[in-house]
């Protein structure tokens, strides 16, 4: 079985998953997919912050 990476965004205030996307590797493109889902579902977020990974 191939490994896959979960790209995920969590609402810090509620702990709810705002968006998620599986891909073969952790890359910025995966987070673009998550952001697209967030924008379509909730609109523009007030704030974004990351875990300081090199993909950002």
N, C-alpha and C. Protein backbone atom coordinates (compact mmCIF):
# COMPACT_ATOMS: atom_id res chain seq x y z
N UNK A 1 0.84 -1.17 0.00
CA UNK A 1 0.00 0.00 0.00
C UNK A 1 0.90 1.25 0.00
N UNK A 2 0.57 2.19 -0.85
CA UNK A 2 1.34 3.44 -0.92
C UNK A 2 0.99 4.35 0.24
N UNK A 3 1.98 5.10 0.68
CA UNK A 3 1.73 6.09 1.72
C UNK A 3 1.04 7.29 1.11
N UNK A 4 0.26 7.97 1.91
CA UNK A 4 -0.35 9.22 1.47
C UNK A 4 -0.28 10.21 2.61
N UNK A 5 -0.38 11.47 2.27
CA UNK A 5 -0.28 12.54 3.26
C UNK A 5 -1.61 13.26 3.35
N UNK A 6 -2.02 13.55 4.56
CA UNK A 6 -3.25 14.29 4.78
C UNK A 6 -2.92 15.76 5.00
N UNK A 7 -3.45 16.60 4.15
CA UNK A 7 -3.34 18.05 4.30
C UNK A 7 -4.63 18.48 4.98
N UNK A 8 -4.54 19.21 6.07
CA UNK A 8 -5.74 19.51 6.84
C UNK A 8 -5.68 20.92 7.40
N UNK A 9 -6.85 21.53 7.52
CA UNK A 9 -6.98 22.84 8.16
C UNK A 9 -8.02 22.68 9.27
N UNK A 10 -7.67 23.16 10.45
CA UNK A 10 -8.54 23.04 11.61
C UNK A 10 -8.89 24.43 12.11
N UNK A 11 -10.17 24.64 12.39
CA UNK A 11 -10.62 25.90 12.98
C UNK A 11 -10.14 25.92 14.42
N UNK A 12 -9.25 26.84 14.75
CA UNK A 12 -8.65 26.89 16.07
C UNK A 12 -9.68 27.19 17.16
N UNK A 13 -10.70 27.95 16.86
CA UNK A 13 -11.71 28.32 17.86
C UNK A 13 -12.61 27.14 18.23
N UNK A 14 -12.98 26.34 17.23
CA UNK A 14 -13.94 25.26 17.48
C UNK A 14 -13.34 23.86 17.45
N UNK A 15 -12.16 23.73 16.84
CA UNK A 15 -11.55 22.42 16.67
C UNK A 15 -12.12 21.64 15.50
N UNK A 16 -13.03 22.26 14.75
CA UNK A 16 -13.66 21.60 13.61
C UNK A 16 -12.70 21.56 12.42
N UNK A 17 -12.78 20.50 11.65
CA UNK A 17 -11.99 20.40 10.43
C UNK A 17 -12.64 21.28 9.37
N UNK A 18 -11.89 22.26 8.89
CA UNK A 18 -12.41 23.20 7.89
C UNK A 18 -12.20 22.69 6.48
N UNK A 19 -11.18 21.87 6.28
CA UNK A 19 -10.89 21.32 4.97
C UNK A 19 -9.80 20.27 5.07
N UNK A 20 -9.82 19.31 4.15
CA UNK A 20 -8.82 18.25 4.16
C UNK A 20 -8.63 17.74 2.74
N UNK A 21 -7.42 17.20 2.48
CA UNK A 21 -7.09 16.70 1.15
C UNK A 21 -5.97 15.68 1.27
N UNK A 22 -6.12 14.51 0.65
CA UNK A 22 -5.07 13.50 0.60
C UNK A 22 -4.28 13.63 -0.68
N UNK A 23 -2.95 13.44 -0.58
CA UNK A 23 -2.07 13.45 -1.74
C UNK A 23 -0.90 12.51 -1.45
N UNK A 24 -0.13 12.19 -2.47
CA UNK A 24 0.99 11.27 -2.32
C UNK A 24 2.11 11.86 -1.45
N UNK A 25 2.29 13.18 -1.52
CA UNK A 25 3.34 13.86 -0.75
C UNK A 25 2.77 15.13 -0.13
N UNK A 26 3.42 15.58 0.95
CA UNK A 26 3.03 16.87 1.51
C UNK A 26 3.68 17.95 0.66
N UNK A 27 2.85 18.68 -0.06
CA UNK A 27 3.33 19.75 -0.93
C UNK A 27 2.37 20.93 -0.82
N UNK A 28 2.84 22.08 -1.24
CA UNK A 28 2.01 23.28 -1.19
C UNK A 28 0.73 23.11 -1.99
N UNK A 29 0.80 22.38 -3.09
CA UNK A 29 -0.38 22.16 -3.93
C UNK A 29 -1.52 21.51 -3.14
N UNK A 30 -1.20 20.60 -2.25
CA UNK A 30 -2.22 19.97 -1.41
C UNK A 30 -2.93 20.98 -0.52
N UNK A 31 -2.16 21.91 0.02
CA UNK A 31 -2.76 22.95 0.86
C UNK A 31 -3.56 23.95 0.03
N UNK A 32 -3.19 24.13 -1.23
CA UNK A 32 -4.01 24.95 -2.12
C UNK A 32 -5.40 24.33 -2.29
N UNK A 33 -5.45 23.01 -2.40
CA UNK A 33 -6.74 22.32 -2.51
C UNK A 33 -7.57 22.54 -1.24
N UNK A 34 -6.92 22.46 -0.08
CA UNK A 34 -7.62 22.69 1.18
C UNK A 34 -8.13 24.12 1.24
N UNK A 35 -7.30 25.08 0.87
CA UNK A 35 -7.71 26.48 0.88
C UNK A 35 -8.88 26.72 -0.06
N UNK A 36 -8.85 26.10 -1.23
CA UNK A 36 -9.96 26.26 -2.18
C UNK A 36 -11.27 25.77 -1.56
N UNK A 37 -11.21 24.63 -0.87
CA UNK A 37 -12.42 24.11 -0.22
C UNK A 37 -12.91 25.06 0.87
N UNK A 38 -11.99 25.61 1.65
CA UNK A 38 -12.37 26.56 2.71
C UNK A 38 -13.03 27.79 2.11
N UNK A 39 -12.43 28.34 1.06
CA UNK A 39 -12.98 29.55 0.45
C UNK A 39 -14.38 29.30 -0.13
N UNK A 40 -14.58 28.14 -0.75
CA UNK A 40 -15.88 27.83 -1.33
C UNK A 40 -16.94 27.56 -0.26
N UNK A 41 -16.52 26.97 0.84
CA UNK A 41 -17.46 26.59 1.89
C UNK A 41 -17.76 27.72 2.87
N UNK A 42 -16.70 28.44 3.31
CA UNK A 42 -16.85 29.41 4.39
C UNK A 42 -16.56 30.86 3.99
N UNK A 43 -15.98 31.05 2.82
CA UNK A 43 -15.55 32.40 2.44
C UNK A 43 -14.14 32.67 2.93
N UNK A 44 -13.75 33.93 2.92
CA UNK A 44 -12.39 34.32 3.29
C UNK A 44 -12.23 34.28 4.81
N UNK A 45 -11.24 33.52 5.31
CA UNK A 45 -11.04 33.45 6.76
C UNK A 45 -10.46 34.75 7.31
N UNK A 46 -10.73 35.00 8.57
CA UNK A 46 -10.21 36.19 9.23
C UNK A 46 -8.69 36.10 9.37
N UNK A 47 -8.18 34.90 9.67
CA UNK A 47 -6.74 34.72 9.91
C UNK A 47 -6.33 33.31 9.52
N UNK A 48 -5.10 33.19 9.07
CA UNK A 48 -4.48 31.90 8.79
C UNK A 48 -3.15 31.85 9.51
N UNK A 49 -2.81 30.72 10.09
CA UNK A 49 -1.44 30.53 10.55
C UNK A 49 -1.04 29.09 10.30
N UNK A 50 0.27 28.85 10.20
CA UNK A 50 0.79 27.54 9.82
C UNK A 50 1.70 26.99 10.90
N UNK A 51 2.17 25.78 10.69
CA UNK A 51 3.09 25.15 11.63
C UNK A 51 4.56 25.38 11.24
N UNK A 52 4.80 26.34 10.38
CA UNK A 52 6.15 26.75 9.94
C UNK A 52 6.89 25.67 9.15
N UNK A 53 6.16 24.80 8.47
CA UNK A 53 6.80 23.80 7.61
C UNK A 53 7.43 24.50 6.42
N UNK A 54 8.38 23.85 5.78
CA UNK A 54 9.08 24.46 4.65
C UNK A 54 8.20 24.61 3.42
N UNK A 55 7.07 23.89 3.34
CA UNK A 55 6.19 24.03 2.17
C UNK A 55 5.53 25.40 2.14
N UNK A 56 5.51 26.11 3.25
CA UNK A 56 4.89 27.43 3.30
C UNK A 56 5.93 28.49 3.05
